Amino acid sequence: MSTGTQDPLPPFTLPTPPRRKWPLLVVVVVLLAAAAFGGVAIYDHLQSCGHGVDKTGSADECIGVSDGSFTFEKSLRPVMAKILAENKRVKNANRPWVSVAYVEPITTDPNQEAIKYGIKEELEGAYLAQRQLNDAQLGGRGDLPQIRLLVANIGLRSEQWKPLTDKLIAMTKDGNHLVAVAGFGQSRGGTLDAVKALRAAKVPMMGATVTADGLASADEVGFFSTSSPNADQASGAAGYLRQQQTAKPGYKVLVVRDRNEDDIYNTSLFTDFTRAAAKKQLALMSGDLGYISGIDGSISNDLSSVADRVCDKKPDAVFFAGRGVDLRGFITAMSAAGRRCPVTVLTGDDAVGVYYDASVSDATRRQFQADWRVSGVTALYTALGHPELPGLLYKPANNPYTGFRTLYHQEFGGTGDDDFQDGQVILAHDALWTLGVAIRDAAGDGGTVPVTSGSTLNALLSGQPVSGVSGPIDLGPAGNPQNKPMALVKLEPNGRYTFQAVVRP
């Protein structure tokens, strides 16, 4: 069911015939014509979710681009209202402006509630960057052209990439002045298809939380990212495990992997880790354990079998090349009586999906916490953003996290660092912020040079390092940040993200 805001179509009623004797044929023609007209109107209404957003695909997903007036999903209403208000201010200010679209799979699997929660956080981060870019006092990087932030749904598993990219490409040539695209959510096959289409149209892209290696390329420029790719995360993880192996002779490391080939996050994470292990001389146990996500039916049986094998092999550590939601299933499987063998699990940035969001009942969350505590699993991951990381990377006077945190609390409430533990708000902010800096460079010193998608792309290719909240961002030839530090973070059963150390590729 759509949760967008659009006035309902008035119900169609047949007109009352006048009190006169018309030939039967005329009456039939009139009624059929009226019914046809009404049918077209009803059909158009059913096909439209809101302005710029249409029902698409077999699941009738609301696919398209919104300025905030259509909210896509009820949990997004507060942040979308803020985006809409800022967009209206931009358009009414009579100053030069351009649009940037933030793309996400807003239509999600009902069983993957953590993804929806992450989308809300990402849009909050993107909105904060928009505010800083549009107010010179907040960002310090000028204020021309103003930034209009659009939100785009690419659909469940990014499968509706074609109708969305067609619309985005058209918006670079019309009055929407679209010059770049950010976000992209999860690393899946549809994501790669979208990147290829936008790259061919010379529309620059900036990934926020998407980290698969196959998206950025030095040979085919166009996709950039503010987050460390899987190759860097895997290298940092392998380096950390190598340190453990050196300090503790006999320390055994086993690999568990998702064999779903459509999920390019999992496949590249596995490939990158095995390559990094060989390079860093990290000894791995033979016989990788695998399961397959994304198929009909539950994978809990597969993860149960994996848990049995882990306890049989007795590794000290497991590198988990899979999604956070599957890590949750693995932890639950490890909590069964007869298993509960102590093991450290190290994985990539999608680990944040291990937690249930606020829409899940307290009883469900408490049960999972209880299962985790008896499971014997200690979960670590390579975090792309964490509140404690910028303080270790910047001098206090140059730390952008301070102003970012203050603005967040002014806009969304709260205190302290709890809202930034999983890094999602931070990473989305940095993606739009980095694009905004490039847009300002393309506009020239006075901000008067007209900006296009082409000039934004050129600015990204020749741009200088940016001080991101997640850390310094120095885009390399392939479009990924070069040698960007990451945080090694421990995931706690109570939902806390405990900082452990700084790791580097």
Protein backbone atom coordinates (compact mmCIF):
# COMPACT_ATOMS: atom_id res chain seq x y z
CA MET A 1 0.00 0.00 0.00
CA SER A 2 1.29 3.44 -0.88
CA THR A 3 1.88 5.88 1.96
CA GLY A 4 2.43 8.88 -0.30
CA THR A 5 0.49 12.05 0.00
CA GLN A 6 -1.89 12.53 -2.91
CA ASP A 7 -5.53 13.60 -2.95
CA PRO A 8 -7.80 10.64 -3.68
CA LEU A 9 -9.61 10.55 -7.02
CA PRO A 10 -13.32 11.41 -6.64
CA PRO A 11 -15.49 8.33 -7.17
CA PHE A 12 -16.92 8.03 -10.69
CA THR A 13 -20.70 8.06 -10.96
CA LEU A 14 -22.81 7.76 -14.07
CA PRO A 15 -24.86 10.88 -14.88
CA THR A 16 -28.59 10.75 -14.25
CA PRO A 17 -30.34 10.60 -17.64
CA PRO A 18 -32.83 13.38 -18.46
CA ARG A 19 -36.55 12.60 -18.53
CA ARG A 20 -36.87 12.18 -22.26
CA LYS A 21 -37.04 9.28 -24.60
CA TRP A 22 -33.67 8.83 -26.37
CA PRO A 23 -33.12 6.08 -28.86
CA LEU A 24 -31.63 3.04 -27.13
CA LEU A 25 -28.50 3.16 -29.30
CA VAL A 26 -27.71 6.72 -28.26
CA VAL A 27 -28.10 5.81 -24.61
CA VAL A 28 -25.71 2.86 -24.98
CA VAL A 29 -23.10 5.00 -26.79
CA VAL A 30 -23.25 7.69 -24.13
CA LEU A 31 -22.92 5.20 -21.30
CA LEU A 32 -20.02 3.37 -22.93
CA ALA A 33 -18.21 6.63 -23.62
CA ALA A 34 -18.68 7.77 -20.04
CA ALA A 35 -17.51 4.42 -18.71
CA ALA A 36 -14.46 4.53 -20.97
CA PHE A 37 -13.57 8.03 -19.78
CA GLY A 38 -14.00 7.03 -16.19
CA GLY A 39 -11.95 3.88 -16.74
CA VAL A 40 -9.04 5.89 -18.13
CA ALA A 41 -9.15 8.28 -15.20
CA ILE A 42 -9.28 5.44 -12.70
CA TYR A 43 -6.47 3.61 -14.49
CA ASP A 44 -4.26 6.71 -14.48
CA HIS A 45 -4.91 7.15 -10.77
CA LEU A 46 -4.06 3.56 -9.97
CA GLN A 47 -0.83 3.80 -11.99
CA SER A 48 0.32 6.98 -10.23
CA CYS A 49 1.58 7.09 -6.66
CA GLY A 50 2.27 10.81 -6.72
CA HIS A 51 3.93 13.49 -8.82
CA GLY A 52 6.97 11.94 -10.49
CA VAL A 53 6.32 8.50 -8.97
CA ASP A 54 4.50 5.66 -10.76
CA LYS A 55 3.51 2.12 -9.92
CA THR A 56 5.95 -0.13 -11.73
CA GLY A 57 6.67 -3.84 -12.07
CA SER A 58 4.80 -6.94 -11.00
CA ALA A 59 4.68 -5.76 -7.37
CA ASP A 60 3.27 -2.31 -8.26
CA GLU A 61 6.13 -0.56 -6.48
CA CYS A 62 6.11 3.22 -6.33
CA ILE A 63 9.16 3.96 -8.47
CA GLY A 64 10.34 7.45 -9.28
CA VAL A 65 11.68 10.71 -7.91
CA SER A 66 10.15 12.90 -5.20
CA ASP A 67 10.97 16.39 -3.96
CA GLY A 68 9.63 15.33 -0.57
CA SER A 69 5.94 15.73 -1.38
CA PHE A 70 5.56 11.97 -1.88
CA THR A 71 7.00 10.16 1.13
CA PHE A 72 7.22 6.54 -0.16
CA GLU A 73 7.11 4.99 3.32
CA LYS A 74 5.50 6.21 6.56
CA SER A 75 8.71 6.08 8.61
CA LEU A 76 10.23 8.64 6.20
CA ARG A 77 7.54 11.30 6.65
CA PRO A 78 9.40 13.50 9.18
CA VAL A 79 12.63 13.72 7.19
CA MET A 80 10.81 14.02 3.86
CA ALA A 81 8.84 16.97 5.27
CA LYS A 82 12.12 18.73 6.08
CA ILE A 83 13.51 17.98 2.62
CA LEU A 84 10.33 19.33 1.00
CA ALA A 85 10.48 22.54 3.04
CA GLU A 86 14.11 23.16 2.12
CA ASN A 87 13.43 22.41 -1.55
CA LYS A 88 10.57 24.90 -1.59
CA ARG A 89 12.82 27.52 0.01
CA VAL A 90 15.49 26.88 -2.65
CA LYS A 91 13.05 27.24 -5.55
CA ASN A 92 11.44 30.37 -4.10
CA ALA A 93 14.73 32.15 -3.33
CA ASN A 94 15.27 33.20 -6.97
CA ARG A 95 18.93 32.14 -6.85
CA PRO A 96 20.82 29.64 -9.06
CA TRP A 97 20.12 26.04 -8.04
CA VAL A 98 20.73 22.47 -9.16
CA SER A 99 19.26 19.12 -8.15
CA VAL A 100 20.94 16.04 -6.69
CA ALA A 101 18.96 12.79 -6.39
CA TYR A 102 19.48 10.39 -3.48
CA VAL A 103 18.71 6.86 -4.72
CA GLU A 104 17.68 4.04 -2.39
CA PRO A 105 15.71 0.74 -2.57
CA ILE A 106 12.92 2.27 -0.51
CA THR A 107 10.63 -0.64 -1.36
CA THR A 108 12.12 -3.39 0.78
CA ASP A 109 11.48 -6.95 1.86
CA PRO A 110 9.19 -6.91 4.93
CA ASN A 111 11.65 -9.28 6.60
CA GLN A 112 14.50 -6.78 6.20
CA GLU A 113 13.21 -4.06 8.48
CA ALA A 114 16.73 -2.87 9.33
CA ILE A 115 17.13 -1.68 5.74
CA LYS A 116 14.15 0.66 6.05
CA TYR A 117 15.58 2.03 9.27
CA GLY A 118 18.90 2.64 7.51
CA ILE A 119 17.17 4.52 4.69
CA LYS A 120 15.64 6.96 7.18
CA GLU A 121 19.05 7.58 8.70
CA GLU A 122 20.64 8.09 5.29
CA LEU A 123 18.05 10.65 4.27
CA GLU A 124 18.63 12.48 7.54
CA GLY A 125 22.35 12.63 6.76
CA ALA A 126 21.75 13.80 3.18
CA TYR A 127 19.38 16.51 4.43
CA LEU A 128 22.00 17.77 6.90
CA ALA A 129 24.52 18.08 4.07
CA GLN A 130 21.93 19.95 1.99
CA ARG A 131 21.40 22.40 4.84
CA GLN A 132 25.14 22.94 5.28
CA LEU A 133 25.66 23.44 1.56
CA ASN A 134 22.79 25.92 1.29
CA ASP A 135 23.83 28.04 4.28
CA ALA A 136 27.34 29.48 4.08
CA GLN A 137 27.39 29.96 7.86
CA LEU A 138 26.82 26.24 8.43
CA GLY A 139 29.17 24.72 5.88
CA GLY A 140 31.72 27.33 4.98
CA ARG A 141 31.83 26.22 1.33
CA GLY A 142 29.77 29.03 -0.17
CA ASP A 143 26.09 28.79 -1.05
CA LEU A 144 25.83 28.91 -4.87
CA PRO A 145 24.35 27.13 -6.59
CA GLN A 146 21.78 26.10 -4.01
CA ILE A 147 21.14 22.36 -3.72
CA ARG A 148 17.72 20.85 -4.29
CA LEU A 149 17.64 17.33 -2.79
CA LEU A 150 15.43 14.75 -4.49
CA VAL A 151 14.67 11.24 -3.19
CA ALA A 152 14.39 8.33 -5.62
CA ASN A 153 13.18 4.75 -5.17
CA ILE A 154 14.97 2.09 -7.23
CA GLY A 155 12.77 -0.71 -5.86
CA LEU A 156 13.13 -3.99 -4.04
CA ARG A 157 16.62 -5.42 -4.59
CA SER A 158 17.16 -2.50 -7.03
CA GLU A 159 15.20 -4.43 -9.67
CA GLN A 160 13.42 -1.35 -11.05
CA TRP A 161 16.66 0.30 -12.06
CA LYS A 162 15.65 0.79 -15.71
CA PRO A 163 12.54 3.00 -15.31
CA LEU A 164 14.29 4.98 -12.58
CA THR A 165 17.52 5.62 -14.49
CA ASP A 166 15.54 6.59 -17.59
CA LYS A 167 13.78 9.23 -15.50
CA LEU A 168 16.98 10.45 -13.85
CA ILE A 169 18.77 10.81 -17.17
CA ALA A 170 15.84 12.80 -18.57
CA MET A 171 16.00 15.10 -15.53
CA THR A 172 19.56 16.15 -16.45
CA LYS A 173 18.14 17.71 -19.62
CA ASP A 174 14.95 19.38 -18.40
CA GLY A 175 14.02 22.05 -15.89
CA ASN A 176 15.00 19.88 -12.92
CA HIS A 177 18.70 20.66 -13.50
CA LEU A 178 19.82 17.28 -12.14
CA VAL A 179 23.63 17.20 -12.02
CA ALA A 180 24.47 14.14 -9.88
CA VAL A 181 23.11 11.11 -8.06
CA ALA A 182 24.05 9.79 -4.61
CA GLY A 183 23.21 6.86 -2.33
CA PHE A 184 22.49 3.49 -4.04
CA GLY A 185 21.83 1.41 -0.94
CA GLN A 186 22.88 -2.19 -1.30
CA SER A 187 25.38 -3.74 -3.70
CA ARG A 188 23.20 -5.92 -5.92
CA GLY A 189 22.99 -6.76 -9.60
CA GLY A 190 20.35 -4.08 -10.19
CA THR A 191 22.61 -1.51 -8.55
CA LEU A 192 25.38 -2.35 -11.00
CA ASP A 193 22.96 -2.08 -13.93
CA ALA A 194 21.86 1.36 -12.72
CA VAL A 195 25.47 2.49 -12.39
CA LYS A 196 26.24 1.33 -15.93
CA ALA A 197 23.24 3.21 -17.36
CA LEU A 198 24.04 6.45 -15.54
CA ARG A 199 27.73 6.17 -16.38
CA ALA A 200 26.91 5.82 -20.08
CA ALA A 201 24.82 9.00 -19.83
CA LYS A 202 27.72 10.86 -18.12
CA VAL A 203 25.76 11.37 -14.89
CA PRO A 204 28.21 11.37 -11.94
CA MET A 205 27.35 9.18 -8.95
CA MET A 206 28.50 9.11 -5.34
CA GLY A 207 27.97 5.97 -3.29
CA ALA A 208 27.26 6.35 0.42
CA THR A 209 27.01 2.91 2.03
CA VAL A 210 27.42 0.81 -1.13
CA THR A 211 30.88 -0.82 -1.14
CA ALA A 212 31.09 -3.61 -3.75
CA ASP A 213 34.24 -3.40 -5.86
CA GLY A 214 32.61 -3.75 -9.28
CA LEU A 215 30.96 -0.31 -9.21
CA ALA A 216 33.95 2.06 -9.46
CA SER A 217 36.46 1.81 -12.29
CA ALA A 218 39.52 3.77 -13.37
CA ASP A 219 38.84 2.79 -16.99
CA GLU A 220 35.16 3.81 -16.95
CA VAL A 221 34.83 6.82 -14.69
CA GLY A 222 31.58 8.10 -13.30
CA PHE A 223 30.98 6.22 -10.07
CA PHE A 224 32.65 7.54 -6.93
CA SER A 225 32.31 6.62 -3.28
CA THR A 226 33.05 8.20 0.07
CA SER A 227 33.12 4.78 1.77
CA SER A 228 35.98 2.29 1.79
CA PRO A 229 35.28 -0.45 -0.77
CA ASN A 230 35.11 -4.12 0.13
CA ALA A 231 38.73 -4.58 -0.94
CA ASP A 232 39.89 -2.11 1.71
CA GLN A 233 37.58 -3.55 4.37
CA ALA A 234 38.75 -7.08 3.64
CA SER A 235 42.36 -5.95 3.72
CA GLY A 236 41.87 -4.26 7.10
CA ALA A 237 40.12 -7.36 8.47
CA ALA A 238 42.84 -9.69 7.20
CA GLY A 239 45.50 -7.45 8.74
CA TYR A 240 43.77 -7.50 12.10
CA LEU A 241 43.39 -11.30 12.05
CA ARG A 242 47.01 -11.68 11.00
CA GLN A 243 47.99 -9.68 14.09
CA GLN A 244 45.96 -12.08 16.24
CA GLN A 245 47.57 -15.07 14.56
CA THR A 246 51.03 -13.64 15.17
CA ALA A 247 50.31 -12.91 18.83
CA LYS A 248 48.58 -16.25 19.46
CA PRO A 249 50.26 -19.22 17.76
CA GLY A 250 47.69 -21.73 16.54
CA TYR A 251 45.00 -19.06 16.08
CA LYS A 252 42.62 -20.53 13.49
CA VAL A 253 40.52 -18.55 11.00
CA LEU A 254 37.59 -20.03 9.05
CA VAL A 255 35.57 -18.41 6.24
CA VAL A 256 31.76 -18.51 6.03
CA ARG A 257 30.32 -17.12 2.79
CA ASP A 258 27.04 -16.37 1.07
CA ARG A 259 27.08 -18.03 -2.36
CA ASN A 260 24.31 -15.85 -3.82
CA GLU A 261 26.03 -14.62 -7.00
CA ASP A 262 23.50 -11.82 -7.54
CA ASP A 263 24.64 -10.15 -4.32
CA ILE A 264 27.85 -8.45 -5.42
CA TYR A 265 28.55 -7.24 -1.88
CA ASN A 266 28.93 -10.78 -0.57
CA THR A 267 30.78 -12.17 -3.57
CA SER A 268 33.33 -9.36 -3.70
CA LEU A 269 33.82 -9.42 0.08
CA PHE A 270 34.70 -13.12 -0.10
CA THR A 271 37.04 -12.70 -3.08
CA ASP A 272 38.74 -9.67 -1.56
CA PHE A 273 39.26 -11.36 1.79
CA THR A 274 40.84 -14.51 0.38
CA ARG A 275 43.12 -12.36 -1.78
CA ALA A 276 44.08 -10.14 1.19
CA ALA A 277 44.68 -13.19 3.40
CA ALA A 278 47.18 -14.55 0.90
CA LYS A 279 48.91 -11.17 0.59
CA LYS A 280 49.19 -10.72 4.36
CA GLN A 281 50.15 -14.37 4.93
CA LEU A 282 47.07 -15.07 7.02
CA ALA A 283 46.58 -18.82 7.31
CA LEU A 284 42.99 -19.96 6.67
CA MET A 285 41.39 -23.24 7.59
CA SER A 286 40.49 -25.41 4.61
CA GLY A 287 36.87 -25.97 3.61
CA ASP A 288 34.92 -22.71 3.46
CA LEU A 289 31.37 -22.99 4.79
CA GLY A 290 28.57 -21.61 2.64
CA TYR A 291 24.87 -20.83 2.44
CA ILE A 292 22.70 -19.16 -0.22
CA SER A 293 20.53 -16.12 0.53
CA GLY A 294 17.90 -14.57 -1.70
CA ILE A 295 16.05 -17.78 -2.58
CA ASP A 296 12.50 -18.86 -1.83
CA GLY A 297 12.06 -20.13 1.68
CA SER A 298 14.04 -19.60 4.86
CA ILE A 299 17.80 -19.98 5.09
CA SER A 300 17.63 -20.76 8.80
CA ASN A 301 18.23 -24.46 8.10
CA ASP A 302 21.36 -23.62 6.10
CA LEU A 303 22.67 -21.36 8.85
CA SER A 304 21.90 -24.07 11.42
CA SER A 305 24.10 -26.48 9.46
CA VAL A 306 26.82 -23.83 9.23
CA ALA A 307 26.68 -23.38 13.01
CA ASP A 308 27.12 -27.14 13.52
CA ARG A 309 30.17 -27.16 11.26
CA VAL A 310 31.69 -24.15 12.99
CA CYS A 311 31.46 -25.87 16.35
CA ASP A 312 32.92 -29.06 14.84
CA LYS A 313 35.90 -27.21 13.33
CA LYS A 314 36.46 -25.02 16.43
CA PRO A 315 38.01 -21.93 14.80
CA ASP A 316 39.10 -19.00 16.93
CA ALA A 317 37.67 -16.57 14.39
CA VAL A 318 35.27 -16.63 11.46
CA PHE A 319 35.34 -14.17 8.59
CA PHE A 320 31.67 -13.82 7.60
CA ALA A 321 31.25 -12.82 3.94
CA GLY A 322 27.51 -12.15 4.20
CA ARG A 323 24.84 -9.64 5.08
CA GLY A 324 24.03 -8.44 8.58
CA VAL A 325 20.56 -10.00 8.52
CA ASP A 326 22.21 -13.38 7.87
CA LEU A 327 24.69 -12.77 10.66
CA ARG A 328 21.64 -12.40 12.90
CA GLY A 329 20.44 -15.82 11.74
CA PHE A 330 23.87 -17.32 12.36
CA ILE A 331 24.00 -15.93 15.90
CA THR A 332 20.54 -17.35 16.60
CA ALA A 333 21.64 -20.74 15.27
CA MET A 334 24.75 -20.65 17.48
CA SER A 335 22.55 -20.10 20.56
CA ALA A 336 21.01 -23.57 20.33
CA ALA A 337 21.84 -26.03 23.08
CA GLY A 338 24.74 -28.23 22.07
CA ARG A 339 26.47 -25.45 20.14
CA ARG A 340 27.34 -22.24 21.99
CA CYS A 341 31.02 -22.61 21.12
CA PRO A 342 33.03 -19.39 21.66
CA VAL A 343 34.08 -17.75 18.40
CA THR A 344 34.91 -14.25 17.14
CA VAL A 345 33.10 -13.28 13.94
CA LEU A 346 34.58 -10.49 11.82
CA THR A 347 32.64 -9.10 8.87
CA GLY A 348 32.10 -6.06 6.65
CA ASP A 349 30.04 -2.90 6.96
CA ASP A 350 26.64 -4.51 6.27
CA ALA A 351 26.87 -5.95 9.79
CA VAL A 352 24.67 -3.08 10.98
CA GLY A 353 21.72 -5.09 9.64
CA VAL A 354 22.16 -7.57 12.49
CA TYR A 355 19.95 -5.42 14.70
CA TYR A 356 16.17 -5.22 14.60
CA ASP A 357 14.74 -1.74 14.26
CA ALA A 358 12.10 -0.02 16.38
CA SER A 359 9.20 -1.52 14.41
CA VAL A 360 9.92 -4.97 15.88
CA SER A 361 8.38 -5.90 19.21
CA ASP A 362 10.36 -5.58 22.42
CA ALA A 363 9.82 -9.29 23.05
CA THR A 364 11.51 -10.19 19.74
CA ARG A 365 14.47 -7.93 20.44
CA ARG A 366 14.86 -9.24 24.00
CA GLN A 367 14.78 -12.82 22.78
CA PHE A 368 17.51 -12.14 20.22
CA GLN A 369 19.63 -10.40 22.86
CA ALA A 370 19.24 -13.40 25.16
CA ASP A 371 20.16 -15.77 22.31
CA TRP A 372 23.22 -13.69 21.45
CA ARG A 373 24.50 -13.67 25.04
CA VAL A 374 24.49 -17.47 25.26
CA SER A 375 25.66 -18.07 21.68
CA GLY A 376 29.36 -17.59 22.36
CA VAL A 377 29.61 -15.22 19.38
CA THR A 378 31.69 -12.04 19.62
CA ALA A 379 30.88 -9.91 16.56
CA LEU A 380 33.31 -7.35 15.09
CA TYR A 381 33.08 -5.41 11.84
CA THR A 382 34.97 -2.87 9.76
CA ALA A 383 32.86 0.26 10.27
CA LEU A 384 32.90 2.98 7.62
CA GLY A 385 31.82 5.62 10.11
CA HIS A 386 31.73 5.87 13.90
CA PRO A 387 31.46 8.83 16.33
CA GLU A 388 34.86 8.10 17.91
CA LEU A 389 36.73 7.87 14.60
CA PRO A 390 36.93 11.56 13.50
CA GLY A 391 38.35 12.61 16.88
CA LEU A 392 41.31 10.30 16.21
CA LEU A 393 41.81 11.52 12.64
CA TYR A 394 41.46 15.31 12.96
CA LYS A 395 42.83 17.97 15.25
CA PRO A 396 40.04 19.35 17.50
CA ALA A 397 39.85 22.67 15.64
CA ASN A 398 39.41 20.90 12.28
CA ASN A 399 37.01 18.15 13.33
CA PRO A 400 33.82 18.42 11.17
CA TYR A 401 31.96 16.02 13.45
CA THR A 402 31.32 18.74 16.05
CA GLY A 403 29.23 20.99 13.79
CA PHE A 404 27.55 17.99 12.17
CA ARG A 405 26.38 16.64 15.53
CA THR A 406 25.10 20.05 16.66
CA LEU A 407 23.06 20.52 13.48
CA TYR A 408 21.62 17.01 13.71
CA HIS A 409 20.33 17.59 17.23
CA GLN A 410 18.87 20.96 16.21
CA GLU A 411 16.97 19.35 13.34
CA PHE A 412 16.05 15.93 14.72
CA GLY A 413 16.42 16.21 18.49
CA GLY A 414 18.36 13.97 20.86
CA THR A 415 21.69 14.43 22.57
CA GLY A 416 25.07 12.77 22.55
CA ASP A 417 26.35 10.28 19.98
CA ASP A 418 23.75 7.51 20.11
CA ASP A 419 22.16 8.44 16.77
CA PHE A 420 25.47 7.99 14.92
CA GLN A 421 26.66 4.64 16.26
CA ASP A 422 26.05 2.68 13.06
CA GLY A 423 27.51 5.38 10.81
CA GLN A 424 24.56 5.56 8.40
CA VAL A 425 23.77 9.24 8.98
CA ILE A 426 27.46 10.11 8.73
CA LEU A 427 28.07 8.23 5.48
CA ALA A 428 25.05 9.67 3.70
CA HIS A 429 26.05 13.16 4.80
CA ASP A 430 29.53 12.69 3.38
CA ALA A 431 28.23 11.43 0.04
CA LEU A 432 26.10 14.52 -0.58
CA TRP A 433 28.66 16.83 0.99
CA THR A 434 31.41 15.61 -1.35
CA LEU A 435 29.14 16.05 -4.37
CA GLY A 436 28.24 19.52 -3.13
CA VAL A 437 31.90 20.54 -2.88
CA ALA A 438 32.45 19.37 -6.47
CA ILE A 439 29.36 21.30 -7.62
CA ARG A 440 30.72 24.46 -5.98
CA ASP A 441 34.07 23.93 -7.71
CA ALA A 442 32.28 23.57 -11.05
CA ALA A 443 30.39 26.83 -10.39
CA GLY A 444 33.59 28.84 -10.06
CA ASP A 445 34.68 31.33 -7.40
CA GLY A 446 31.60 33.50 -7.74
CA GLY A 447 29.22 30.59 -8.08
CA THR A 448 27.89 32.03 -11.34
CA VAL A 449 29.10 29.46 -13.87
CA PRO A 450 26.17 27.20 -14.91
CA VAL A 451 26.67 23.69 -13.54
CA THR A 452 25.82 20.54 -15.50
CA SER A 453 26.28 16.83 -14.90
CA GLY A 454 29.34 17.00 -17.18
CA SER A 455 31.03 19.84 -15.29
CA THR A 456 30.25 18.12 -11.98
CA LEU A 457 31.92 14.95 -13.28
CA ASN A 458 35.01 16.90 -14.32
CA ALA A 459 35.17 18.59 -10.91
CA LEU A 460 35.06 15.20 -9.19
CA LEU A 461 37.86 13.88 -11.38
CA SER A 462 40.12 16.81 -10.56
CA GLY A 463 38.90 17.61 -7.06
CA GLN A 464 40.91 18.05 -3.89
CA PRO A 465 40.55 15.95 -0.71
CA VAL A 466 37.43 16.66 1.33
CA SER A 467 37.14 16.68 5.13
CA GLY A 468 34.31 14.22 5.64
CA VAL A 469 32.69 13.47 8.97
CA SER A 470 33.69 9.82 8.45
CA GLY A 471 37.29 10.85 7.81
CA PRO A 472 39.40 12.53 5.11
CA ILE A 473 38.12 11.65 1.61
CA ASP A 474 40.74 11.62 -1.14
CA LEU A 475 39.20 10.10 -4.25
CA GLY A 476 41.61 7.94 -6.26
CA PRO A 477 41.69 7.23 -10.02
CA ALA A 478 38.99 4.55 -9.71
CA GLY A 479 36.70 6.83 -7.70
CA ASN A 480 37.15 5.19 -4.30
CA PRO A 481 38.74 6.95 -1.30
CA GLN A 482 42.44 6.23 -1.03
CA ASN A 483 43.82 4.67 2.18
CA LYS A 484 40.86 5.84 4.20
CA PRO A 485 40.99 4.69 7.85
CA MET A 486 38.15 2.58 9.22
CA ALA A 487 36.96 1.75 12.72
CA LEU A 488 37.05 -1.78 14.09
CA VAL A 489 33.81 -1.95 16.07
CA LYS A 490 32.30 -4.56 18.38
CA LEU A 491 28.57 -5.18 18.02
CA GLU A 492 26.96 -5.62 21.43
CA PRO A 493 23.77 -7.63 22.08
CA ASN A 494 22.17 -4.53 23.63
CA GLY A 495 22.55 -2.58 20.39
CA ARG A 496 25.72 -0.66 21.22
CA TYR A 497 28.63 -0.19 18.82
CA THR A 498 31.82 -0.29 20.87
CA PHE A 499 34.87 1.22 19.21
CA GLN A 500 37.92 -1.07 19.32
CA ALA A 501 40.66 0.37 17.12
CA VAL A 502 41.53 2.19 13.90
CA VAL A 503 42.25 -0.19 11.02
CA ARG A 504 43.68 0.65 7.63
CA PRO A 505 43.68 -1.17 4.28
